Protein backbone atom coordinates (compact mmCIF):
# COMPACT_ATOMS: atom_id res chain seq x y z
CA MET A 1 0.01 0.01 0.02
CA LYS A 2 1.54 3.21 -1.13
CA GLY A 3 2.04 5.85 1.54
CA VAL A 4 1.30 3.67 4.50
CA LYS A 5 4.24 3.05 6.83
CA ARG A 6 4.85 -0.58 7.32
CA GLY A 7 3.81 -1.98 10.66
CA THR A 8 2.09 1.14 12.01
CA VAL A 9 -1.48 0.25 11.06
CA TYR A 10 -1.34 -3.54 11.00
CA GLY A 11 0.93 -4.23 14.02
CA PRO A 12 -1.69 -3.40 16.68
CA LEU A 13 -4.44 -5.12 14.65
CA THR A 14 -2.32 -8.27 14.31
CA MET A 15 -1.64 -8.34 18.02
CA ALA A 16 -5.35 -7.83 18.84
CA VAL A 17 -6.33 -10.72 16.52
CA VAL A 18 -3.76 -13.01 18.14
CA MET A 19 -4.86 -12.05 21.67
CA LEU A 20 -8.52 -12.58 20.76
CA CYS A 21 -7.77 -15.99 19.30
CA ALA A 22 -5.85 -16.95 22.41
CA MET A 23 -8.66 -15.85 24.72
CA VAL A 24 -11.31 -17.74 22.70
CA VAL A 25 -9.29 -20.94 22.61
CA ILE A 26 -7.96 -20.94 26.11
CA VAL A 27 -11.13 -19.98 28.07
CA PRO A 28 -14.03 -22.02 26.46
CA GLY A 29 -15.00 -23.89 29.65
CA VAL A 30 -15.83 -20.79 31.71
CA SER A 31 -19.02 -19.88 29.86
CA ALA A 32 -22.49 -20.41 31.31
CA THR A 33 -25.01 -22.77 29.82
CA ARG A 34 -28.29 -21.65 28.30
CA TRP A 35 -30.76 -24.47 28.89
CA THR A 36 -33.74 -24.63 26.56
CA VAL A 37 -36.39 -25.97 28.92
CA GLY A 38 -37.98 -29.08 27.44
CA ALA A 39 -35.26 -29.22 24.73
CA ASN A 40 -36.91 -29.35 21.25
CA MET A 41 -40.41 -29.62 22.72
CA GLY A 42 -40.10 -26.32 24.63
CA TRP A 43 -42.40 -25.17 27.42
CA THR A 44 -45.60 -26.93 26.63
CA THR A 45 -48.07 -29.64 27.83
CA ASN A 46 -47.30 -33.38 27.66
CA VAL A 47 -43.63 -33.00 28.70
CA ASN A 48 -42.34 -34.33 31.95
CA TYR A 49 -40.00 -31.59 33.10
CA THR A 50 -38.87 -33.65 36.10
CA ILE A 51 -37.44 -36.25 33.76
CA TRP A 52 -35.97 -33.49 31.50
CA ALA A 53 -34.11 -31.90 34.44
CA GLN A 54 -33.05 -35.06 36.34
CA ASP A 55 -29.69 -35.66 34.57
CA LYS A 56 -28.69 -31.97 34.35
CA HIS A 57 -26.53 -29.86 36.64
CA PHE A 58 -27.64 -26.24 36.86
CA TYR A 59 -24.88 -23.84 38.01
CA ASN A 60 -24.83 -20.25 39.21
CA GLY A 61 -24.56 -18.15 36.08
CA ASP A 62 -26.60 -20.51 33.78
CA TRP A 63 -29.87 -19.45 32.07
CA LEU A 64 -33.24 -21.14 31.59
CA PHE A 65 -34.70 -20.33 28.20
CA PHE A 66 -38.45 -20.90 27.80
CA VAL A 67 -40.01 -21.22 24.32
CA TYR A 68 -43.81 -21.41 24.28
CA ASP A 69 -47.11 -20.23 22.85
CA ARG A 70 -47.28 -16.62 24.18
CA ASN A 71 -51.01 -16.39 23.66
CA GLN A 72 -51.73 -19.29 26.06
CA MET A 73 -48.96 -19.91 28.57
CA ASN A 74 -46.69 -18.05 30.95
CA VAL A 75 -43.61 -18.50 33.10
CA LEU A 76 -44.02 -17.89 36.81
CA GLU A 77 -41.54 -18.42 39.65
CA VAL A 78 -43.33 -19.52 42.83
CA ASN A 79 -42.40 -20.93 46.28
CA LYS A 80 -42.31 -24.61 46.96
CA THR A 81 -45.81 -24.82 48.40
CA ASP A 82 -47.35 -23.03 45.41
CA TYR A 83 -45.32 -25.28 43.10
CA GLU A 84 -46.68 -28.42 44.75
CA THR A 85 -50.28 -27.13 44.60
CA CYS A 86 -50.03 -25.38 41.25
CA ASN A 87 -51.09 -22.08 42.81
CA SER A 88 -50.22 -19.16 40.46
CA ASP A 89 -52.04 -16.44 42.50
CA HIS A 90 -48.93 -15.00 44.19
CA PRO A 91 -45.85 -15.57 42.06
CA LEU A 92 -42.48 -14.55 43.40
CA HIS A 93 -41.64 -13.34 39.90
CA ASN A 94 -43.51 -13.28 36.59
CA TRP A 95 -40.87 -13.93 33.91
CA THR A 96 -43.38 -13.67 31.09
CA THR A 97 -42.42 -10.90 28.64
CA GLY A 98 -45.17 -11.58 26.13
CA ALA A 99 -42.87 -12.76 23.33
CA GLY A 100 -42.95 -16.50 24.10
CA ARG A 101 -39.19 -16.49 24.49
CA ASP A 102 -38.39 -15.86 28.13
CA VAL A 103 -35.09 -16.19 30.03
CA ILE A 104 -34.58 -16.76 33.73
CA PRO A 105 -31.04 -16.02 34.89
CA LEU A 106 -29.88 -18.53 37.49
CA ASN A 107 -27.78 -16.09 39.43
CA VAL A 108 -28.48 -17.32 43.00
CA THR A 109 -27.60 -20.72 44.45
CA ARG A 110 -30.93 -22.06 45.60
CA HIS A 111 -34.03 -24.05 44.54
CA TYR A 112 -36.10 -22.56 41.72
CA TYR A 113 -39.79 -23.50 41.27
CA ILE A 114 -41.31 -22.55 37.93
CA ILE A 115 -44.84 -23.16 36.85
CA SER A 116 -47.19 -22.09 34.02
CA GLY A 117 -50.43 -20.62 35.32
CA LYS A 118 -53.84 -20.60 33.60
CA GLY A 119 -54.33 -24.32 34.60
CA PHE A 120 -51.35 -25.63 32.61
CA CYS A 121 -49.45 -26.49 35.77
CA TYR A 122 -52.01 -29.25 36.50
CA GLY A 123 -51.09 -30.74 33.14
CA GLY A 124 -47.39 -30.98 34.13
CA MET A 125 -46.03 -27.58 33.17
CA LYS A 126 -43.85 -27.20 36.15
CA LEU A 127 -40.15 -27.33 36.82
CA ALA A 128 -38.16 -27.63 40.02
CA ILE A 129 -34.38 -27.33 39.90
CA ARG A 130 -31.56 -26.76 42.39
CA VAL A 131 -28.84 -24.30 41.30
CA GLU A 132 -25.40 -24.91 42.73
CA ASN A 133 -22.00 -23.23 42.50
CA LEU A 134 -19.61 -24.53 39.89
CA PRO A 135 -17.34 -27.28 41.31
CA PRO A 136 -13.87 -26.11 42.25
CA PRO A 137 -11.14 -26.52 39.67
CA PRO A 138 -9.08 -29.78 39.94
CA THR A 139 -6.32 -29.72 42.52
CA SER A 140 -2.67 -30.15 41.45
CA SER A 141 -2.71 -33.75 42.80
CA SER A 142 -5.63 -34.71 40.57
CA LEU A 143 -3.99 -33.13 37.57
CA ASN A 144 -0.89 -35.25 38.16
CA GLU A 145 -2.88 -38.50 38.15
CA LYS A 146 -3.11 -40.36 34.91
CA SER A 147 -6.48 -40.49 33.34
CA SER A 148 -8.06 -41.68 30.07
CA SER A 149 -9.12 -38.13 29.17
CA PRO A 150 -6.76 -35.28 28.40
CA SER A 151 -6.23 -32.90 31.26
CA LEU A 152 -6.33 -29.12 31.13
CA THR A 153 -2.58 -29.10 31.37
CA SER A 154 -2.09 -31.30 28.33
CA ARG A 155 -4.56 -29.26 26.37
CA SER A 156 -2.71 -26.06 27.16
CA LYS A 157 0.50 -27.66 25.95
CA ILE A 158 -1.16 -27.93 22.53
CA VAL A 159 -3.23 -24.73 22.50
CA LEU A 160 -0.50 -22.20 23.28
CA PRO A 161 1.84 -23.36 20.41
CA MET A 162 -1.12 -23.32 18.12
CA VAL A 163 -1.98 -19.74 19.09
CA PHE A 164 1.60 -18.70 18.44
CA ALA A 165 1.69 -20.61 15.13
CA ILE A 166 -1.48 -18.82 14.02
CA GLY A 167 0.06 -15.47 14.97
CA ALA A 168 3.26 -16.28 13.07
CA VAL A 169 1.32 -17.31 9.97
CA TRP A 170 -0.78 -14.14 10.21
CA ASP A 171 2.34 -11.99 10.59
CA ALA A 172 4.02 -13.70 7.57
CA PHE A 173 0.86 -13.21 5.53
CA ARG A 174 0.69 -9.52 6.54
CA ARG A 175 4.36 -9.00 5.64
CA PHE A 176 3.99 -10.73 2.27
CA TRP A 177 0.90 -8.81 1.11
CA TYR A 178 1.60 -5.44 2.69
């Protein structure tokens, strides 16, 4: 490029791209999970939400995503007694926004009791979950133990060289074309 001093414009951009790639590759396990309640069935009748939730671990920072018919159903957080009796008269929180696509942030470690009012709770539209804190990271002694799955340490031995290799290729590409 004529008139552009070499390295002044593209140096910071190159470094930003390399750092962004490093952050994306190194920190994938820290993100929260967005759970679509009922999976592909959504928030509707004829789904057993107890079975849906039984093999899942809900952690502080996760989200519950409700997809449902906005003209008929709603998403209400209630206490345990109202959950058990399907009483929607005094919800702790009405998460219904009117779009049929509602999200509940699971930002407190506790039990959550969710029902759909208008009689749908009696047909099974209710969900009880327990939100817990993320388990602590593995200790150094457990990292040293041999296991069949690759550990975080062995992954980082591969990831960091890959990040630097991508950066080197990018820099070579930039020098060749500019």
